[in-house]
C-alpha atoms as a PDB file:
ATOM      1  CA  MET A   1     184.940  22.261  44.372  1.00  0.00           C
ATOM      2  CA  ALA A   2     182.928  25.001  42.654  1.00  0.00           C
ATOM      3  CA  SER A   3     181.700  24.264  39.130  1.00  0.00           C
ATOM      4  CA  PRO A   4     183.404  26.258  36.346  1.00  0.00           C
ATOM      5  CA  LEU A   5     180.043  26.408  34.553  1.00  0.00           C
ATOM      6  CA  ALA A   6     178.037  29.608  34.990  1.00  0.00           C
ATOM      7  CA  ASP A   7     174.737  29.116  36.817  1.00  0.00           C
ATOM      8  CA  LEU A   8     171.988  29.920  34.296  1.00  0.00           C
ATOM      9  CA  ASP A   9     169.597  31.304  36.903  1.00  0.00           C
ATOM     10  CA  GLU A  10     172.298  33.688  38.069  1.00  0.00           C
ATOM     11  CA  LEU A  11     172.835  34.796  34.496  1.00  0.00           C
ATOM     12  CA  VAL A  12     169.150  35.707  34.280  1.00  0.00           C
ATOM     13  CA  LEU A  13     169.501  37.929  37.348  1.00  0.00           C
ATOM     14  CA  LYS A  14     172.375  39.796  35.719  1.00  0.00           C
ATOM     15  CA  CYS A  15     170.126  41.025  32.905  1.00  0.00           C
ATOM     16  CA  ARG A  16     169.427  44.719  33.066  1.00  0.00           C
ATOM     17  CA  ASP A  17     166.349  45.127  30.869  1.00  0.00           C
ATOM     18  CA  GLU A  18     163.084  43.459  31.912  1.00  0.00           C
ATOM     19  CA  LYS A  19     161.997  42.421  28.400  1.00  0.00           C
ATOM     20  CA  SER A  20     165.387  40.902  27.624  1.00  0.00           C
ATOM     21  CA  LYS A  21     165.338  39.194  31.033  1.00  0.00           C
ATOM     22  CA  GLN A  22     161.960  37.559  30.215  1.00  0.00           C
ATOM     23  CA  TYR A  23     163.292  36.132  26.970  1.00  0.00           C
ATOM     24  CA  ILE A  24     166.499  34.866  28.586  1.00  0.00           C
ATOM     25  CA  ARG A  25     164.442  33.316  31.390  1.00  0.00           C
ATOM     26  CA  GLU A  26     162.349  31.606  28.691  1.00  0.00           C
ATOM     27  CA  ALA A  27     165.543  30.431  26.975  1.00  0.00           C
ATOM     28  CA  VAL A  28     166.803  28.949  30.256  1.00  0.00           C
ATOM     29  CA  SER A  29     163.461  27.183  30.816  1.00  0.00           C
ATOM     30  CA  CYS A  30     163.642  25.717  27.285  1.00  0.00           C
ATOM     31  CA  TYR A  31     167.217  24.617  27.926  1.00  0.00           C
ATOM     32  CA  LYS A  32     166.261  22.859  31.161  1.00  0.00           C
ATOM     33  CA  ALA A  33     163.366  21.146  29.376  1.00  0.00           C
ATOM     34  CA  GLY A  34     165.686  19.876  26.612  1.00  0.00           C
ATOM     35  CA  ALA A  35     164.167  22.187  23.939  1.00  0.00           C
ATOM     36  CA  PHE A  36     167.506  23.491  22.710  1.00  0.00           C
ATOM     37  CA  ARG A  37     166.260  24.918  19.409  1.00  0.00           C
ATOM     38  CA  SER A  38     163.694  27.024  21.249  1.00  0.00           C
ATOM     39  CA  ALA A  39     166.346  28.113  23.723  1.00  0.00           C
ATOM     40  CA  ILE A  40     168.541  29.450  20.891  1.00  0.00           C
ATOM     41  CA  VAL A  41     165.614  31.236  19.201  1.00  0.00           C
ATOM     42  CA  SER A  42     164.607  32.937  22.489  1.00  0.00           C
ATOM     43  CA  THR A  43     168.211  33.946  23.113  1.00  0.00           C
ATOM     44  CA  TRP A  44     168.417  35.708  19.765  1.00  0.00           C
ATOM     45  CA  ILE A  45     165.131  37.503  20.444  1.00  0.00           C
ATOM     46  CA  ALA A  46     166.604  38.721  23.731  1.00  0.00           C
ATOM     47  CA  VAL A  47     169.607  40.117  21.846  1.00  0.00           C
ATOM     48  CA  THR A  48     167.457  42.066  19.352  1.00  0.00           C
ATOM     49  CA  PHE A  49     165.158  43.449  22.074  1.00  0.00           C
ATOM     50  CA  ASP A  50     168.133  44.471  24.183  1.00  0.00           C
ATOM     51  CA  ILE A  51     169.929  46.304  21.351  1.00  0.00           C
ATOM     52  CA  ILE A  52     166.730  48.119  20.304  1.00  0.00           C
ATOM     53  CA  ASP A  53     166.059  49.199  23.887  1.00  0.00           C
ATOM     54  CA  LYS A  54     169.641  50.417  24.193  1.00  0.00           C
ATOM     55  CA  ILE A  55     169.210  52.397  20.966  1.00  0.00           C
ATOM     56  CA  ARG A  56     166.109  54.023  22.507  1.00  0.00           C
ATOM     57  CA  GLU A  57     168.032  54.933  25.694  1.00  0.00           C
ATOM     58  CA  LEU A  58     170.946  56.401  23.763  1.00  0.00           C
ATOM     59  CA  ALA A  59     168.574  58.390  21.530  1.00  0.00           C
ATOM     60  CA  LEU A  60     166.909  59.860  24.625  1.00  0.00           C
ATOM     61  CA  SER A  61     170.324  60.942  25.901  1.00  0.00           C
ATOM     62  CA  GLY A  62     171.025  62.801  22.648  1.00  0.00           C
ATOM     63  CA  ASP A  63     173.176  60.322  20.694  1.00  0.00           C
ATOM     64  CA  LYS A  64     172.725  61.298  17.030  1.00  0.00           C
ATOM     65  CA  GLU A  65     173.612  57.893  15.593  1.00  0.00           C
ATOM     66  CA  ALA A  66     171.119  56.218  17.941  1.00  0.00           C
ATOM     67  CA  GLU A  67     168.454  58.729  16.881  1.00  0.00           C
ATOM     68  CA  ASN A  68     169.109  57.854  13.199  1.00  0.00           C
ATOM     69  CA  GLN A  69     168.910  54.102  13.837  1.00  0.00           C
ATOM     70  CA  LEU A  70     165.769  54.475  15.934  1.00  0.00           C
ATOM     71  CA  GLU A  71     164.103  56.461  13.140  1.00  0.00           C
ATOM     72  CA  ILE A  72     164.908  53.708  10.629  1.00  0.00           C
ATOM     73  CA  PHE A  73     163.456  51.044  12.954  1.00  0.00           C
ATOM     74  CA  GLU A  74     160.338  53.064  13.852  1.00  0.00           C
ATOM     75  CA  LYS A  75     159.653  53.879  10.193  1.00  0.00           C
ATOM     76  CA  ALA A  76     159.755  50.166   9.255  1.00  0.00           C
ATOM     77  CA  ARG A  77     157.451  49.364  12.186  1.00  0.00           C
ATOM     78  CA  ARG A  78     154.946  52.125  11.401  1.00  0.00           C
ATOM     79  CA  GLN A  79     154.721  51.192   7.740  1.00  0.00           C
ATOM     80  CA  ASN A  80     154.666  47.451   8.470  1.00  0.00           C
ATOM     81  CA  ASP A  81     157.635  47.203   6.081  1.00  0.00           C
ATOM     82  CA  ILE A  82     158.705  43.581   6.544  1.00  0.00           C
ATOM     83  CA  THR A  83     161.637  43.885   4.119  1.00  0.00           C
ATOM     84  CA  SER A  84     163.134  46.866   5.969  1.00  0.00           C
ATOM     85  CA  ALA A  85     162.520  45.221   9.328  1.00  0.00           C
ATOM     86  CA  LEU A  86     164.355  42.061   8.229  1.00  0.00           C
ATOM     87  CA  LYS A  87     167.203  44.193   6.850  1.00  0.00           C
ATOM     88  CA  PHE A  88     167.439  46.003  10.193  1.00  0.00           C
ATOM     89  CA  GLU A  89     167.608  42.652  12.023  1.00  0.00           C
ATOM     90  CA  ARG A  90     170.355  41.398   9.687  1.00  0.00           C
ATOM     91  CA  GLU A  91     172.430  44.519  10.344  1.00  0.00           C
ATOM     92  CA  ILE A  92     171.684  44.962  14.046  1.00  0.00           C
ATOM     93  CA  LEU A  93     174.934  43.409  15.325  1.00  0.00           C
ATOM     94  CA  GLY A  94     176.974  45.565  12.947  1.00  0.00           C
ATOM     95  CA  ILE A  95     175.128  48.628  14.222  1.00  0.00           C
ATOM     96  CA  ALA A  96     175.827  47.604  17.811  1.00  0.00           C
ATOM     97  CA  LYS A  97     179.548  47.056  17.074  1.00  0.00           C
ATOM     98  CA  ASP A  98     180.500  49.804  14.622  1.00  0.00           C
ATOM     99  CA  LYS A  99     178.051  52.622  15.164  1.00  0.00           C
ATOM    100  CA  LEU A 100     177.143  52.389  18.858  1.00  0.00           C
ATOM    101  CA  GLU A 101     180.189  50.536  20.269  1.00  0.00           C
ATOM    102  CA  LEU A 102     178.021  48.268  22.436  1.00  0.00           C
ATOM    103  CA  ILE A 103     180.074  45.154  21.641  1.00  0.00           C
ATOM    104  CA  SER A 104     183.622  44.372  20.559  1.00  0.00           C
ATOM    105  CA  HIS A 105     184.732  42.688  17.336  1.00  0.00           C
ATOM    106  CA  ILE A 106     185.190  39.283  19.038  1.00  0.00           C
ATOM    107  CA  GLU A 107     181.866  39.558  20.832  1.00  0.00           C
ATOM    108  CA  CYS A 108     180.180  40.407  17.573  1.00  0.00           C
ATOM    109  CA  LEU A 109     181.618  37.245  15.954  1.00  0.00           C
ATOM    110  CA  ASP A 110     180.174  35.084  18.757  1.00  0.00           C
ATOM    111  CA  LEU A 111     176.764  36.766  18.495  1.00  0.00           C
ATOM    112  CA  GLU A 112     176.841  36.346  14.706  1.00  0.00           C
ATOM    113  CA  ARG A 113     177.221  32.630  15.361  1.00  0.00           C
ATOM    114  CA  LEU A 114     174.131  32.830  17.579  1.00  0.00           C
ATOM    115  CA  LYS A 115     172.198  34.452  14.717  1.00  0.00           C
ATOM    116  CA  GLU A 116     173.357  31.750  12.289  1.00  0.00           C
ATOM    117  CA  ASP A 117     172.242  29.022  14.713  1.00  0.00           C
ATOM    118  CA  ARG A 118     168.928  30.803  15.250  1.00  0.00           C
ATOM    119  CA  ASP A 119     168.393  30.695  11.449  1.00  0.00           C
ATOM    120  CA  ARG A 120     169.187  26.982  11.393  1.00  0.00           C
ATOM    121  CA  CYS A 121     166.738  26.362  14.254  1.00  0.00           C
ATOM    122  CA  ALA A 122     163.888  28.492  12.945  1.00  0.00           C
ATOM    123  CA  HIS A 123     164.104  28.314   9.131  1.00  0.00           C
ATOM    124  CA  PRO A 124     163.773  24.979   7.260  1.00  0.00           C
ATOM    125  CA  SER A 125     165.536  26.558   4.258  1.00  0.00           C
ATOM    126  CA  MET A 126     168.734  26.803   6.296  1.00  0.00           C
ATOM    127  CA  THR A 127     169.105  23.005   6.737  1.00  0.00           C
ATOM    128  CA  SER A 128     169.612  20.141   4.308  1.00  0.00           C
ATOM    129  CA  GLU A 129     166.495  18.532   2.872  1.00  0.00           C
ATOM    130  CA  GLY A 130     164.988  15.935   5.198  1.00  0.00           C
ATOM    131  CA  GLU A 131     167.303  16.870   8.071  1.00  0.00           C
ATOM    132  CA  ILE A 132     166.409  18.560  11.333  1.00  0.00           C
ATOM    133  CA  PHE A 133     168.993  20.744  13.031  1.00  0.00           C
ATOM    134  CA  ASN A 134     169.524  19.380  16.526  1.00  0.00           C
ATOM    135  CA  PRO A 135     171.845  21.700  18.475  1.00  0.00           C
ATOM    136  CA  PRO A 136     173.609  20.097  21.426  1.00  0.00           C
ATOM    137  CA  ALA A 137     172.906  21.341  24.945  1.00  0.00           C
ATOM    138  CA  GLU A 138     176.411  22.837  25.137  1.00  0.00           C
ATOM    139  CA  LEU A 139     175.752  25.067  22.107  1.00  0.00           C
ATOM    140  CA  ALA A 140     172.504  26.443  23.577  1.00  0.00           C
ATOM    141  CA  ARG A 141     174.187  27.035  26.909  1.00  0.00           C
ATOM    142  CA  VAL A 142     177.166  28.906  25.492  1.00  0.00           C
ATOM    143  CA  HIS A 143     174.846  31.180  23.487  1.00  0.00           C
ATOM    144  CA  ILE A 144     172.845  32.014  26.619  1.00  0.00           C
ATOM    145  CA  ARG A 145     176.014  32.784  28.525  1.00  0.00           C
ATOM    146  CA  ASN A 146     177.602  34.877  25.775  1.00  0.00           C
ATOM    147  CA  THR A 147     174.448  36.922  25.333  1.00  0.00           C
ATOM    148  CA  VAL A 148     174.317  37.909  28.992  1.00  0.00           C
ATOM    149  CA  GLU A 149     178.071  38.350  29.481  1.00  0.00           C
ATOM    150  CA  TYR A 150     178.586  40.367  26.305  1.00  0.00           C
ATOM    151  CA  LEU A 151     175.439  42.461  26.125  1.00  0.00           C
ATOM    152  CA  LEU A 152     172.441  42.041  28.426  1.00  0.00           C
ATOM    153  CA  GLN A 153     174.161  42.867  31.729  1.00  0.00           C
ATOM    154  CA  TYR A 154     175.545  46.240  30.600  1.00  0.00           C
ATOM    155  CA  PRO A 155     174.001  49.714  30.324  1.00  0.00           C
ATOM    156  CA  PRO A 156     173.839  51.170  26.800  1.00  0.00           C
ATOM    157  CA  ALA A 157     176.885  53.441  26.836  1.00  0.00           C
ATOM    158  CA  GLN A 158     180.138  51.435  26.906  1.00  0.00           C
ATOM    159  CA  GLY A 159     182.442  52.692  24.149  1.00  0.00           C
ATOM    160  CA  LYS A 160     183.764  56.159  23.322  1.00  0.00           C
ATOM    161  CA  HIS A 161     180.322  57.618  24.003  1.00  0.00           C
ATOM    162  CA  ALA A 162     180.478  56.313  27.581  1.00  0.00           C
ATOM    163  CA  LEU A 163     184.008  57.612  28.101  1.00  0.00           C
ATOM    164  CA  ASP A 164     183.082  61.045  26.802  1.00  0.00           C
ATOM    165  CA  LYS A 165     180.049  61.104  29.062  1.00  0.00           C
ATOM    166  CA  LEU A 166     182.170  60.199  32.112  1.00  0.00           C
ATOM    167  CA  LEU A 167     184.799  62.819  31.364  1.00  0.00           C
ATOM    168  CA  ALA A 168     182.150  65.487  30.796  1.00  0.00           C
ATOM    169  CA  GLU A 169     180.693  64.628  34.203  1.00  0.00           C
ATOM    170  CA  VAL A 170     184.079  64.877  35.961  1.00  0.00           C
ATOM    171  CA  ASP A 171     184.853  68.152  34.159  1.00  0.00           C
ATOM    172  CA  SER A 172     181.655  69.698  35.481  1.00  0.00           C
ATOM    173  CA  GLU A 173     182.163  72.452  38.037  1.00  0.00           C
ATOM    174  CA  TYR A 174     179.701  70.617  40.302  1.00  0.00           C
ATOM    175  CA  PHE A 175     181.418  67.233  40.340  1.00  0.00           C
ATOM    176  CA  PRO A 176     182.319  66.320  43.995  1.00  0.00           C
ATOM    177  CA  ILE A 177     185.881  66.852  45.212  1.00  0.00           C
ATOM    178  CA  THR A 178     185.698  64.126  47.890  1.00  0.00           C
ATOM    179  CA  PRO A 179     186.040  60.442  46.948  1.00  0.00           C
ATOM    180  CA  GLU A 180     182.965  59.456  48.975  1.00  0.00           C
ATOM    181  CA  GLN A 181     180.683  61.923  47.185  1.00  0.00           C
ATOM    182  CA  ALA A 182     182.338  61.143  43.828  1.00  0.00           C
ATOM    183  CA  GLN A 183     181.510  57.463  44.314  1.00  0.00           C
ATOM    184  CA  ILE A 184     177.834  58.346  44.835  1.00  0.00           C
ATOM    185  CA  ALA A 185     177.871  60.413  41.631  1.00  0.00           C
ATOM    186  CA  LEU A 186     179.637  57.736  39.589  1.00  0.00           C
ATOM    187  CA  ARG A 187     177.173  55.040  40.666  1.00  0.00           C
ATOM    188  CA  GLN A 188     174.667  56.801  38.388  1.00  0.00           C
ATOM    189  CA  SER A 189     177.091  56.688  35.435  1.00  0.00           C
ATOM    190  CA  PRO A 190     178.325  54.061  32.934  1.00  0.00           C
ATOM    191  CA  ILE A 191     181.275  53.259  35.239  1.00  0.00           C
ATOM    192  CA  PHE A 192     178.976  51.612  37.803  1.00  0.00           C
ATOM    193  CA  LYS A 193     178.518  48.389  35.794  1.00  0.00           C
ATOM    194  CA  PRO A 194     181.104  48.661  33.041  1.00  0.00           C
ATOM    195  CA  ARG A 195     183.269  46.583  30.796  1.00  0.00           C
ATOM    196  CA  ASP A 196     186.865  46.323  32.009  1.00  0.00           C
ATOM    197  CA  SER A 197     188.056  48.292  28.973  1.00  0.00           C
ATOM    198  CA  LEU A 198     185.916  51.310  29.921  1.00  0.00           C
ATOM    199  CA  VAL A 199     187.346  51.372  33.468  1.00  0.00           C
ATOM    200  CA  ARG A 200     190.903  51.089  32.146  1.00  0.00           C
ATOM    201  CA  ASN A 201     190.453  53.859  29.591  1.00  0.00           C
ATOM    202  CA  PHE A 202     188.781  56.119  32.178  1.00  0.00           C
ATOM    203  CA  ILE A 203     191.673  55.631  34.630  1.00  0.00           C
ATOM    204  CA  ILE A 204     194.311  56.235  31.925  1.00  0.00           C
ATOM    205  CA  VAL A 205     192.687  59.461  30.720  1.00  0.00           C
ATOM    206  CA  LEU A 206     192.326  60.762  34.301  1.00  0.00           C
ATOM    207  CA  LEU A 207     195.992  59.947  34.988  1.00  0.00           C
ATOM    208  CA  LYS A 208     197.130  61.756  31.830  1.00  0.00           C
ATOM    209  CA  LYS A 209     195.091  64.809  32.771  1.00  0.00           C
ATOM    210  CA  LEU A 210     196.465  64.832  36.301  1.00  0.00           C
ATOM    211  CA  LEU A 211     200.058  64.417  35.175  1.00  0.00           C
ATOM    212  CA  ASN A 212     200.085  66.712  32.178  1.00  0.00           C
ATOM    213  CA  ASP A 213     197.124  69.016  31.772  1.00  0.00           C
ATOM    214  CA  VAL A 214     195.762  70.183  35.102  1.00  0.00           C
ATOM    215  CA  THR A 215     196.915  73.495  36.502  1.00  0.00           C
ATOM    216  CA  GLU A 216     193.766  74.532  38.315  1.00  0.00           C
ATOM    217  CA  GLN A 217     193.655  73.077  41.843  1.00  0.00           C
ATOM    218  CA  LYS A 218     189.896  72.550  42.006  1.00  0.00           C
ATOM    219  CA  LYS A 219     189.922  70.617  38.735  1.00  0.00           C
ATOM    220  CA  ALA A 220     192.780  68.491  40.020  1.00  0.00           C
ATOM    221  CA  TYR A 221     190.747  67.642  43.122  1.00  0.00           C
ATOM    222  CA  ARG A 222     187.847  66.525  40.905  1.00  0.00           C
ATOM    223  CA  TYR A 223     190.130  64.194  38.932  1.00  0.00           C
ATOM    224  CA  LYS A 224     191.665  62.859  42.140  1.00  0.00           C
ATOM    225  CA  SER A 225     188.259  62.160  43.700  1.00  0.00           C
ATOM    226  CA  ALA A 226     187.113  60.409  40.502  1.00  0.00           C
ATOM    227  CA  LEU A 227     190.273  58.264  40.539  1.00  0.00           C
ATOM    228  CA  LYS A 228     189.868  57.317  44.197  1.00  0.00           C
ATOM    229  CA  ALA A 229     186.181  56.529  43.704  1.00  0.00           C
ATOM    230  CA  THR A 230     187.047  54.335  40.709  1.00  0.00           C
ATOM    231  CA  GLU A 231     189.687  52.577  42.818  1.00  0.00           C
ATOM    232  CA  THR A 232     187.073  51.787  45.464  1.00  0.00           C
ATOM    233  CA  MET A 233     184.536  50.542  42.920  1.00  0.00           C
ATOM    234  CA  HIS A 234     186.982  48.546  40.735  1.00  0.00           C
ATOM    235  CA  LYS A 235     190.035  47.865  42.891  1.00  0.00           C
ATOM    236  CA  GLN A 236     191.577  45.041  40.833  1.00  0.00           C
ATOM    237  CA  ILE A 237     191.270  46.853  37.468  1.00  0.00           C
ATOM    238  CA  TYR A 238     192.627  50.021  39.084  1.00  0.00           C
ATOM    239  CA  ASN A 239     195.707  48.227  40.436  1.00  0.00           C
ATOM    240  CA  ASP A 240     196.322  46.381  37.143  1.00  0.00           C
ATOM    241  CA  THR A 241     196.038  49.594  35.139  1.00  0.00           C
ATOM    242  CA  LEU A 242     198.431  51.537  37.378  1.00  0.00           C
ATOM    243  CA  GLY A 243     200.836  48.602  37.287  1.00  0.00           C
ATOM    244  CA  LYS A 244     200.877  48.539  33.475  1.00  0.00           C
ATOM    245  CA  LYS A 245     200.537  52.238  32.552  1.00  0.00           C
ATOM    246  CA  LEU A 246     201.624  54.583  35.337  1.00  0.00           C
ATOM    247  CA  SER A 247     205.376  53.991  35.014  1.00  0.00           C
ATOM    248  CA  ASP A 248     205.281  54.745  31.245  1.00  0.00           C
ATOM    249  CA  LEU A 249     203.313  57.942  31.904  1.00  0.00           C
ATOM    250  CA  LEU A 250     205.796  59.001  34.588  1.00  0.00           C
ATOM    251  CA  LYS A 251     208.755  58.128  32.367  1.00  0.00           C
ATOM    252  CA  ALA A 252     207.460  60.470  29.688  1.00  0.00           C
ATOM    253  CA  LEU A 253     206.840  63.144  32.330  1.00  0.00           C
ATOM    254  CA  VAL A 254     210.293  63.136  33.977  1.00  0.00           C
ATOM    255  CA  LEU A 255     212.054  63.016  30.619  1.00  0.00           C
ATOM    256  CA  GLU A 256     211.998  66.821  30.683  1.00  0.00           C
ATOM    257  CA  ASP A 257     213.582  68.414  33.793  1.00  0.00           C
ATOM    258  CA  GLU A 258     211.018  71.240  33.865  1.00  0.00           C
ATOM    259  CA  ASN A 259     208.312  68.657  34.565  1.00  0.00           C
ATOM    260  CA  LEU A 260     209.955  67.336  37.730  1.00  0.00           C
ATOM    261  CA  PRO A 261     208.159  69.758  40.119  1.00  0.00           C
ATOM    262  CA  LYS A 262     204.929  68.000  39.123  1.00  0.00           C
ATOM    263  CA  ILE A 263     206.121  65.032  41.199  1.00  0.00           C
ATOM    264  CA  ALA A 264     205.040  66.955  44.310  1.00  0.00           C
ATOM    265  CA  GLU A 265     201.517  67.173  42.960  1.00  0.00           C
ATOM    266  CA  ILE A 266     201.514  63.486  42.055  1.00  0.00           C
ATOM    267  CA  ILE A 267     202.481  62.650  45.654  1.00  0.00           C
ATOM    268  CA  ARG A 268     199.501  64.673  46.866  1.00  0.00           C
ATOM    269  CA  TYR A 269     197.089  63.025  44.434  1.00  0.00           C
ATOM    270  CA  LEU A 270     198.540  59.491  44.082  1.00  0.00           C
ATOM    271  CA  PRO A 271     200.589  58.666  47.206  1.00  0.00           C
ATOM    272  CA  ASP A 272     200.860  55.000  46.221  1.00  0.00           C
ATOM    273  CA  PHE A 273     202.386  55.770  42.790  1.00  0.00           C
ATOM    274  CA  TRP A 274     205.909  54.786  43.909  1.00  0.00           C
ATOM    275  CA  ILE A 275     205.216  51.035  43.988  1.00  0.00           C
ATOM    276  CA  TYR A 276     204.223  51.133  40.294  1.00  0.00           C
ATOM    277  CA  THR A 277     207.353  53.057  39.185  1.00  0.00           C
ATOM    278  CA  ASP A 278     210.411  51.674  37.371  1.00  0.00           C
ATOM    279  CA  ASP A 279     213.866  51.938  38.969  1.00  0.00           C
ATOM    280  CA  ASN A 280     215.206  54.427  36.413  1.00  0.00           C
ATOM    281  CA  VAL A 281     212.267  56.779  37.037  1.00  0.00           C
ATOM    282  CA  ARG A 282     212.726  56.413  40.816  1.00  0.00           C
ATOM    283  CA  HIS A 283     216.431  57.214  40.521  1.00  0.00           C
ATOM    284  CA  LYS A 284     215.780  60.430  38.602  1.00  0.00           C
ATOM    285  CA  ILE A 285     213.175  61.568  41.085  1.00  0.00           C
ATOM    286  CA  GLU A 286     215.446  60.769  44.040  1.00  0.00           C
ATOM    287  CA  THR A 287     218.302  62.731  42.471  1.00  0.00           C
ATOM    288  CA  TYR A 288     215.976  65.661  41.798  1.00  0.00           C
ATOM    289  CA  VAL A 289     214.747  65.787  45.424  1.00  0.00           C
ATOM    290  CA  GLU A 290     218.281  65.422  46.849  1.00  0.00           C
ATOM    291  CA  ASN A 291     219.434  68.341  44.692  1.00  0.00           C
ATOM    292  CA  LEU A 292     216.200  70.336  44.771  1.00  0.00           C
ATOM    293  CA  PRO A 293     216.810  73.715  43.080  1.00  0.00           C
ATOM    294  CA  SER A 294     216.278  76.830  45.210  1.00  0.00           C
ATOM    295  CA  GLU A 295     213.353  77.879  43.016  1.00  0.00           C
ATOM    296  CA  HIS A 296     211.610  74.610  43.899  1.00  0.00           C
ATOM    297  CA  ILE A 297     212.514  74.580  47.594  1.00  0.00           C
ATOM    298  CA  LYS A 298     208.930  75.463  48.530  1.00  0.00           C
ATOM    299  CA  LEU A 299     207.990  71.847  47.684  1.00  0.00           C
ATOM    300  CA  LEU A 300     210.360  70.348  50.239  1.00  0.00           C
ATOM    301  CA  GLU A 301     207.716  69.678  52.898  1.00  0.00           C
ATOM    302  CA  VAL A 302     205.790  67.427  50.482  1.00  0.00           C
ATOM    303  CA  PHE A 303     208.882  65.259  50.001  1.00  0.00           C
ATOM    304  CA  LEU A 304     209.640  65.180  53.729  1.00  0.00           C
ATOM    305  CA  ASP A 305     206.220  63.655  54.367  1.00  0.00           C
ATOM    306  CA  PHE A 306     206.638  61.046  51.599  1.00  0.00           C
ATOM    307  CA  LYS A 307     208.343  57.989  53.081  1.00  0.00           C
ATOM    308  CA  TYR A 308     209.986  56.858  49.833  1.00  0.00           C
ATOM    309  CA  LEU A 309     211.751  60.237  49.377  1.00  0.00           C
ATOM    310  CA  GLN A 310     212.194  61.276  52.984  1.00  0.00           C
ATOM    311  CA  GLU A 311     215.930  60.496  53.155  1.00  0.00           C
ATOM    312  CA  GLN A 312     216.683  62.549  50.050  1.00  0.00           C
ATOM    313  CA  ALA A 313     214.509  65.397  51.336  1.00  0.00           C
ATOM    314  CA  LYS A 314     216.378  65.367  54.691  1.00  0.00           C
ATOM    315  CA  LYS A 315     219.703  65.638  52.886  1.00  0.00           C
ATOM    316  CA  ARG A 316     218.444  68.633  50.922  1.00  0.00           C
ATOM    317  CA  LEU A 317     217.019  70.206  54.082  1.00  0.00           C
ATOM    318  CA  ASN A 318     220.405  69.911  55.804  1.00  0.00           C
ATOM    319  CA  GLN A 319     222.033  71.774  52.899  1.00  0.00           C
ATOM    320  CA  ILE A 320     219.919  74.881  53.597  1.00  0.00           C
ATOM    321  CA  ASP A 321     222.153  77.388  55.358  1.00  0.00           C
ATOM    322  CA  THR A 322     220.135  80.609  55.258  1.00  0.00           C
ATOM    323  CA  LYS A 323     216.946  81.647  56.955  1.00  0.00           C
ATOM    324  CA  GLU A 324     215.765  83.228  53.693  1.00  0.00           C
ATOM    325  CA  GLU A 325     215.867  79.928  51.822  1.00  0.00           C
ATOM    326  CA  LEU A 326     214.176  78.103  54.685  1.00  0.00           C
ATOM    327  CA  GLU A 327     211.327  80.609  54.643  1.00  0.00           C
ATOM    328  CA  LYS A 328     210.531  79.747  51.026  1.00  0.00           C
ATOM    329  CA  ILE A 329     209.182  76.336  52.043  1.00  0.00           C
ATOM    330  CA  GLU A 330     205.385  76.108  51.907  1.00  0.00           C
ATOM    331  CA  TYR A 331     203.575  74.426  54.805  1.00  0.00           C
ATOM    332  CA  GLN A 332     200.336  72.482  54.590  1.00  0.00           C
ATOM    333  CA  LEU A 333     199.397  72.278  58.279  1.00  0.00           C
ATOM    334  CA  GLY A 334     201.887  74.342  60.244  1.00  0.00           C
ATOM    335  CA  ILE A 335     205.659  74.104  60.232  1.00  0.00           C
ATOM    336  CA  HIS A 336     207.066  70.594  59.732  1.00  0.00           C
ATOM    337  CA  PRO A 337     209.028  69.242  62.793  1.00  0.00           C
ATOM    338  CA  LEU A 338     212.153  68.553  60.712  1.00  0.00           C
ATOM    339  CA  ILE A 339     212.053  72.068  59.266  1.00  0.00           C
ATOM    340  CA  ALA A 340     211.597  73.496  62.776  1.00  0.00           C
ATOM    341  CA  ASP A 341     214.659  71.524  63.888  1.00  0.00           C
ATOM    342  CA  ARG A 342     216.686  72.905  60.971  1.00  0.00           C
ATOM    343  CA  SER A 343     215.541  76.407  61.819  1.00  0.00           C
ATOM    344  CA  ILE A 344     216.806  75.968  65.390  1.00  0.00           C
ATOM    345  CA  ASP A 345     220.132  74.627  64.076  1.00  0.00           C
ATOM    346  CA  LEU A 346     220.564  77.697  61.891  1.00  0.00           C
ATOM    347  CA  TYR A 347     219.768  79.919  64.838  1.00  0.00           C
ATOM    348  CA  LEU A 348     222.370  78.200  67.017  1.00  0.00           C
ATOM    349  CA  LEU A 349     224.978  78.413  64.228  1.00  0.00           C
ATOM    350  CA  SER A 350     224.417  82.130  63.656  1.00  0.00           C
ATOM    351  CA  ASP A 351     227.362  84.409  64.427  1.00  0.00           C
ATOM    352  CA  SER A 352     225.375  87.436  65.567  1.00  0.00           C
ATOM    353  CA  TYR A 353     222.001  88.537  66.859  1.00  0.00           C
ATOM    354  CA  GLY A 354     221.275  90.261  63.525  1.00  0.00           C
ATOM    355  CA  GLN A 355     222.076  87.117  61.559  1.00  0.00           C
ATOM    356  CA  ALA A 356     219.831  85.047  63.855  1.00  0.00           C
END
């Protein structure tokens, strides 16, 4: 049976930054040697180095808040201002949580506990007189794990900044329109090694844009390729997100009858959407297809090719009794066999050569 405990050496390999990795490796060595106080101190040093390096990376990418924080840190370092440097260290987790969105509220609480334990380990003033703080092995281990799992394994952009960056990339005219090429592009973005929340939010925003905002075909293809690439990279999160969110988005969409033609586009972009849809939404879509208005008849081929709506589409096709209405249907790759059969039926039923 596999151990539920995380392997510490594997945690070291997850670290993204080399300096942080060195300190975590040192913390693991101290832990294995039984020097648990030293392990906790090294773990906190890894946290501070990692956040400062992430601030540098974000500043280089143009993040104004990161530029401000970097200037504060560099000024204290240049002037050898110990008071300002200590103040920056005290506030560094708050900066990471509130101003840079590198960690969540819960993660910040756990890392604050690490800082408190580091103070107990390193500062005699933080313990009772005559007592030595002896942290148990379990405490040192959980701090090492939390540090890597919450912070050290991730690239700097993970909050709203990361989401904005991803959407700007997909909105670019030069973003690929094929899933394979989109996957290559996204491997250089924050979505490559993200928190689950970033993947979920990215998927939800792309879905909303596809369902509600996109009218330009090329832009729709970019969103579709980004979605399919994200599905390939993060299959489980993608399935969970569609299962929880897609039906609600579709419910809001089909509430207004004028939005129902968008279902054809959804079939083109998200052919597996049906399995995530509630029964009441399915029923409305089925009724719409079975009674497809003449002004929407051009969409009929899309529904004929969609197995979940094929029966309703066939019924609507068999209601067509004029060549003029049949000719309104748009074809993707030549005339559909069922439409060809209906065309022959109309020809055979015609009363005269002119009508045929």
